[in-house]
Amino acid sequence: MLRGTRPPGWRRRHASLAVQADEGRWYLVNATPDLGDQIEDCPELHPGPEPRRTPLAGVILTDAELDHTLGIARLREADAIEIVATDPVRHALLTGLHLGEVLTPYARLDWRPLGPGDRPLVEGSPLAVGAVPVSAKRPRYAAGRGAPDDDAWVVALRLTDRATGRSLLYAPALAAWPDTFQRAAEAADCVIVDGTFWSDDEPLTSGFGSRTATAMGHLPIEGPDGTAHRLAALEARTLYTHLNNTNPLNDPAAPQHSGLRKLGVEVAADGMVIDL
């Protein structure tokens, strides 16, 4: 057994959000391998009452990583699947995973572009979504493919309630903290970021990797280059998500929790509800 492997009872599902765009219409932010269980645990996403009716309107993708896209195949029983993504992510899914070839015999894929401008998810809805470019880290299966190396490969999502002006910034994968992300974080009322690794050397000391957290595309939480002090300086409510099995924050009794509490930073829990 690898050192740092998750003890029984500490399991966290893959990071994802369910966002209500309008009455009876919801979008998933990333489609994870846990998608089926996540839908079952959220009554608002249950199908019915009419046959083949679902409140799930589509999926918004922050990147093309497998942990955030494999669940799309679980939606193949729908008549159509709406996917909101940046151009590089769409390119990777169509040419690397061949998502169109695999799924279109089952369901139509309706692609919508995701860009920096805030756009309503549903016509007439106050909820708007925009992308904040983060990094050019592409998934390994997309290495060498034709899409350019730009920061649209990995984005944070800015979700804004235009009726109240309040916003949430969601960045489950964070390989860098560019100025554009800092400005978006300063303007947000709630910021949820990548907490994959507590320390930069965690993959090495846990025995499962040969690269640091930063080299793997995840800024660590602690340390001078970590994200904890950046979050503590914000006026927004701040939370960590996307914890790796080796992260001590998986243990509710870990002393690292008290350190984060002193900074005013939380760890998101499965099933947590956040109202803007």
Protein backbone atom coordinates (compact mmCIF):
# COMPACT_ATOMS: atom_id res chain seq x y z
CA MET A 1 0.00 0.00 0.00
CA LEU A 2 1.31 3.45 -0.86
CA ARG A 3 2.06 5.78 2.00
CA GLY A 4 -0.63 8.41 2.20
CA THR A 5 -3.33 6.21 0.72
CA ARG A 6 -6.79 7.28 1.91
CA PRO A 7 -7.96 5.42 5.05
CA PRO A 8 -11.50 3.94 5.04
CA GLY A 9 -14.24 6.53 5.59
CA TRP A 10 -12.29 9.44 4.13
CA ARG A 11 -13.57 9.11 0.58
CA ARG A 12 -14.43 12.36 -1.18
CA ARG A 13 -16.13 12.37 -4.55
CA HIS A 14 -14.58 14.08 -7.53
CA ALA A 15 -14.99 17.86 -7.47
CA SER A 16 -18.08 19.18 -9.24
CA LEU A 17 -20.81 21.79 -8.87
CA ALA A 18 -24.51 21.76 -9.72
CA VAL A 19 -25.62 25.28 -10.64
CA GLN A 20 -29.24 26.40 -10.92
CA ALA A 21 -29.61 28.57 -14.03
CA ASP A 22 -33.39 28.88 -13.91
CA GLU A 23 -36.41 27.24 -12.34
CA GLY A 24 -36.06 23.52 -13.04
CA ARG A 25 -32.88 23.95 -15.13
CA TRP A 26 -29.48 23.01 -13.75
CA TYR A 27 -25.96 22.76 -15.16
CA LEU A 28 -23.14 20.58 -13.93
CA VAL A 29 -19.72 22.18 -13.69
CA ASN A 30 -17.55 19.29 -14.90
CA ALA A 31 -18.84 15.77 -15.48
CA THR A 32 -16.90 13.46 -13.19
CA PRO A 33 -16.75 9.64 -12.94
CA ASP A 34 -18.95 10.07 -9.83
CA LEU A 35 -21.67 11.82 -11.82
CA GLY A 36 -24.30 9.12 -11.28
CA ASP A 37 -23.95 9.12 -7.50
CA GLN A 38 -23.77 12.91 -7.39
CA ILE A 39 -27.06 13.20 -9.28
CA GLU A 40 -28.71 10.61 -7.07
CA ASP A 41 -27.68 12.55 -3.96
CA CYS A 42 -29.16 15.81 -5.28
CA PRO A 43 -32.99 15.63 -5.42
CA GLU A 44 -33.15 18.76 -7.57
CA LEU A 45 -31.40 16.81 -10.36
CA HIS A 46 -33.68 13.77 -10.29
CA PRO A 47 -35.59 13.06 -13.52
CA GLY A 48 -39.34 13.25 -13.94
CA PRO A 49 -42.15 13.46 -13.28
CA GLU A 50 -42.82 13.12 -17.02
CA PRO A 51 -41.02 10.30 -18.88
CA ARG A 52 -37.52 11.24 -20.09
CA ARG A 53 -37.72 14.67 -18.47
CA THR A 54 -34.62 15.87 -16.64
CA PRO A 55 -33.78 19.17 -14.97
CA LEU A 56 -30.16 18.73 -16.11
CA ALA A 57 -29.71 21.21 -18.97
CA GLY A 58 -26.02 20.70 -19.69
CA VAL A 59 -22.39 20.57 -18.59
CA ILE A 60 -19.85 23.39 -18.25
CA LEU A 61 -16.19 22.33 -18.44
CA THR A 62 -13.24 24.07 -16.80
CA ASP A 63 -10.71 21.88 -18.64
CA ALA A 64 -10.36 18.63 -20.60
CA GLU A 65 -8.91 16.40 -17.86
CA LEU A 66 -10.39 12.91 -17.59
CA ASP A 67 -11.58 13.47 -14.02
CA HIS A 68 -13.76 16.32 -15.31
CA THR A 69 -15.04 14.83 -18.58
CA LEU A 70 -15.51 11.05 -18.31
CA GLY A 71 -18.96 11.49 -16.79
CA ILE A 72 -20.28 12.98 -20.04
CA ALA A 73 -20.71 9.43 -21.33
CA ARG A 74 -23.13 8.76 -18.46
CA LEU A 75 -25.52 11.29 -20.03
CA ARG A 76 -25.84 9.42 -23.33
CA GLU A 77 -29.48 8.46 -22.69
CA ALA A 78 -30.53 12.08 -23.15
CA ASP A 79 -31.81 13.26 -26.52
CA ALA A 80 -29.06 15.89 -26.54
CA ILE A 81 -26.13 16.92 -24.34
CA GLU A 82 -25.27 20.60 -24.13
CA ILE A 83 -21.56 21.14 -23.46
CA VAL A 84 -20.18 24.59 -22.67
CA ALA A 85 -16.41 24.64 -23.20
CA THR A 86 -13.47 26.65 -24.51
CA ASP A 87 -12.14 25.92 -28.01
CA PRO A 88 -9.07 23.93 -26.86
CA VAL A 89 -11.19 21.76 -24.54
CA ARG A 90 -13.68 21.04 -27.31
CA HIS A 91 -10.81 20.20 -29.68
CA ALA A 92 -9.29 17.77 -27.16
CA LEU A 93 -12.58 15.98 -26.51
CA LEU A 94 -13.36 15.58 -30.20
CA THR A 95 -9.90 14.63 -31.47
CA GLY A 96 -8.35 13.00 -28.40
CA LEU A 97 -11.28 11.23 -26.75
CA HIS A 98 -13.32 11.10 -29.99
CA LEU A 99 -16.37 12.08 -27.96
CA GLY A 100 -18.41 12.95 -31.04
CA GLU A 101 -17.83 9.59 -32.69
CA VAL A 102 -18.60 7.69 -29.50
CA LEU A 103 -21.69 9.55 -28.29
CA THR A 104 -23.54 10.91 -31.33
CA PRO A 105 -25.03 7.48 -32.11
CA TYR A 106 -26.77 7.86 -28.74
CA ALA A 107 -27.30 11.59 -28.21
CA ARG A 108 -26.77 14.83 -30.10
CA LEU A 109 -23.90 16.96 -28.80
CA ASP A 110 -24.74 20.67 -28.68
CA TRP A 111 -21.55 22.71 -28.17
CA ARG A 112 -21.62 26.24 -26.76
CA PRO A 113 -18.49 28.41 -26.59
CA LEU A 114 -17.08 29.46 -23.23
CA GLY A 115 -15.18 32.73 -23.23
CA PRO A 116 -14.19 35.66 -21.02
CA GLY A 117 -17.44 37.57 -21.47
CA ASP A 118 -20.24 36.83 -19.00
CA ARG A 119 -23.17 35.25 -20.83
CA PRO A 120 -26.50 33.96 -19.46
CA LEU A 121 -26.75 30.19 -19.36
CA VAL A 122 -30.46 30.33 -20.15
CA GLU A 123 -32.21 33.16 -21.96
CA GLY A 124 -33.84 35.43 -19.42
CA SER A 125 -31.94 33.89 -16.50
CA PRO A 126 -30.04 36.20 -14.14
CA LEU A 127 -27.20 33.66 -13.89
CA ALA A 128 -24.29 34.39 -16.23
CA VAL A 129 -21.05 32.46 -16.74
CA GLY A 130 -17.65 33.59 -17.95
CA ALA A 131 -14.19 32.05 -18.20
CA VAL A 132 -11.06 33.36 -16.50
CA PRO A 133 -8.02 31.83 -18.28
CA VAL A 134 -5.62 30.13 -15.85
CA SER A 135 -3.04 28.01 -17.66
CA ALA A 136 -2.05 26.17 -20.84
CA LYS A 137 -1.80 22.78 -19.09
CA ARG A 138 -3.37 20.23 -21.41
CA PRO A 139 -4.20 16.62 -20.44
CA ARG A 140 -1.65 13.98 -21.39
CA TYR A 141 -3.96 12.39 -23.97
CA ALA A 142 -4.04 15.72 -25.84
CA ALA A 143 -0.25 16.15 -26.03
CA GLY A 144 0.88 17.05 -29.54
CA ARG A 145 -2.60 17.74 -30.86
CA GLY A 146 -3.30 20.79 -32.98
CA ALA A 147 -4.94 23.23 -30.56
CA PRO A 148 -2.64 26.12 -29.60
CA ASP A 149 -0.97 26.33 -26.20
CA ASP A 150 -2.97 29.13 -24.63
CA ASP A 151 -4.47 29.71 -21.22
CA ALA A 152 -7.92 28.61 -22.37
CA TRP A 153 -6.90 24.99 -21.77
CA VAL A 154 -7.65 25.48 -18.07
CA VAL A 155 -10.04 28.18 -16.90
CA ALA A 156 -11.77 29.26 -13.74
CA LEU A 157 -15.50 29.87 -13.96
CA ARG A 158 -17.04 33.15 -12.90
CA LEU A 159 -20.72 32.62 -12.03
CA THR A 160 -22.62 35.87 -11.55
CA ASP A 161 -26.15 36.49 -10.34
CA ARG A 162 -26.95 39.62 -12.35
CA ALA A 163 -30.00 40.30 -10.20
CA THR A 164 -27.86 40.78 -7.08
CA GLY A 165 -24.44 41.42 -8.59
CA ARG A 166 -22.91 38.69 -6.42
CA SER A 167 -20.48 36.20 -7.94
CA LEU A 168 -18.63 32.95 -7.33
CA LEU A 169 -15.23 32.03 -8.79
CA TYR A 170 -14.57 28.30 -9.22
CA ALA A 171 -11.09 26.97 -10.05
CA PRO A 172 -10.75 23.22 -9.35
CA ALA A 173 -7.47 23.06 -11.31
CA LEU A 174 -4.94 25.80 -10.65
CA ALA A 175 -1.46 25.49 -12.11
CA ALA A 176 -0.80 29.23 -11.86
CA TRP A 177 -2.21 32.35 -10.24
CA PRO A 178 -2.11 34.97 -13.01
CA ASP A 179 -3.06 38.61 -12.51
CA THR A 180 -6.37 38.04 -14.31
CA PHE A 181 -7.28 35.38 -11.76
CA GLN A 182 -6.23 37.62 -8.86
CA ARG A 183 -8.49 40.43 -10.11
CA ALA A 184 -11.40 38.01 -10.54
CA ALA A 185 -10.84 36.63 -7.03
CA GLU A 186 -10.79 40.13 -5.54
CA ALA A 187 -14.11 40.93 -7.22
CA ALA A 188 -15.87 37.69 -6.20
CA ASP A 189 -18.05 37.07 -3.15
CA CYS A 190 -17.07 33.39 -2.95
CA VAL A 191 -13.89 31.72 -4.24
CA ILE A 192 -13.46 27.95 -4.49
CA VAL A 193 -10.02 26.76 -5.57
CA ASP A 194 -7.82 23.75 -6.19
CA GLY A 195 -6.69 22.11 -2.95
CA THR A 196 -5.25 18.97 -4.52
CA PHE A 197 -2.04 18.94 -2.48
CA TRP A 198 -1.23 20.42 0.92
CA SER A 199 2.51 20.72 0.23
CA ASP A 200 4.58 20.97 -2.91
CA ASP A 201 6.56 17.81 -2.14
CA GLU A 202 3.47 15.76 -1.20
CA PRO A 203 3.53 13.58 -4.35
CA LEU A 204 7.17 12.72 -3.57
CA THR A 205 6.84 12.09 0.17
CA SER A 206 3.64 10.07 -0.35
CA GLY A 207 5.50 7.72 -2.65
CA PHE A 208 3.20 7.86 -5.66
CA GLY A 209 4.90 10.43 -7.88
CA SER A 210 8.24 11.70 -9.12
CA ARG A 211 7.18 15.32 -9.60
CA THR A 212 6.20 18.10 -7.24
CA ALA A 213 2.65 19.38 -6.96
CA THR A 214 3.57 22.48 -8.95
CA ALA A 215 5.14 20.38 -11.70
CA MET A 216 1.92 18.34 -11.86
CA GLY A 217 -0.10 21.50 -12.44
CA HIS A 218 -1.49 22.10 -8.94
CA LEU A 219 -0.39 24.97 -6.72
CA PRO A 220 0.06 23.67 -3.16
CA ILE A 221 -1.83 25.06 -0.20
CA GLU A 222 1.04 25.75 2.21
CA GLY A 223 4.34 27.53 1.73
CA PRO A 224 5.48 30.89 0.36
CA ASP A 225 4.19 30.00 -3.10
CA GLY A 226 1.07 28.31 -1.75
CA THR A 227 -2.49 29.50 -2.11
CA ALA A 228 -3.55 29.74 1.56
CA HIS A 229 -2.09 33.18 2.15
CA ARG A 230 -3.57 34.42 -1.14
CA LEU A 231 -7.04 33.26 -0.10
CA ALA A 232 -6.66 34.70 3.39
CA ALA A 233 -6.04 38.15 1.89
CA LEU A 234 -9.38 38.12 0.04
CA GLU A 235 -12.60 39.58 1.42
CA ALA A 236 -14.61 36.74 -0.17
CA ARG A 237 -15.69 33.51 1.44
CA THR A 238 -12.93 31.06 0.44
CA LEU A 239 -12.94 27.27 0.20
CA TYR A 240 -10.74 24.42 -1.02
CA THR A 241 -11.96 21.58 -3.24
CA HIS A 242 -10.43 18.81 -5.41
CA LEU A 243 -8.41 17.19 -2.58
CA ASN A 244 -6.09 14.32 -3.50
CA ASN A 245 -6.17 11.12 -1.43
CA THR A 246 -2.83 12.06 0.13
CA ASN A 247 -3.93 15.50 1.34
CA PRO A 248 -4.11 15.56 5.17
CA LEU A 249 -7.23 17.72 4.93
CA ASN A 250 -9.15 14.54 4.09
CA ASP A 251 -8.82 13.71 7.79
CA PRO A 252 -11.40 15.78 9.74
CA ALA A 253 -9.08 15.64 12.76
CA ALA A 254 -5.94 16.80 10.96
CA PRO A 255 -4.26 19.83 12.60
CA GLN A 256 -4.06 21.56 9.21
CA HIS A 257 -7.77 22.37 9.52
CA SER A 258 -7.23 24.62 12.52
CA GLY A 259 -4.52 26.51 10.67
CA LEU A 260 -6.87 27.19 7.77
CA ARG A 261 -9.67 28.24 10.13
CA LYS A 262 -7.38 30.85 11.64
CA LEU A 263 -6.90 32.22 8.12
CA GLY A 264 -10.67 32.18 7.50
CA VAL A 265 -10.39 29.49 4.80
CA GLU A 266 -12.75 26.48 4.61
CA VAL A 267 -12.67 23.02 3.06
CA ALA A 268 -15.71 22.31 0.89
CA ALA A 269 -17.71 19.21 1.80
CA ASP A 270 -19.66 16.82 -0.39
CA GLY A 271 -23.24 18.08 -0.75
CA MET A 272 -22.47 21.59 0.45
CA VAL A 273 -25.00 24.22 -0.65
CA ILE A 274 -23.84 27.78 -1.36
CA ASP A 275 -26.35 30.55 -1.98
CA LEU A 276 -25.05 33.73 -3.58
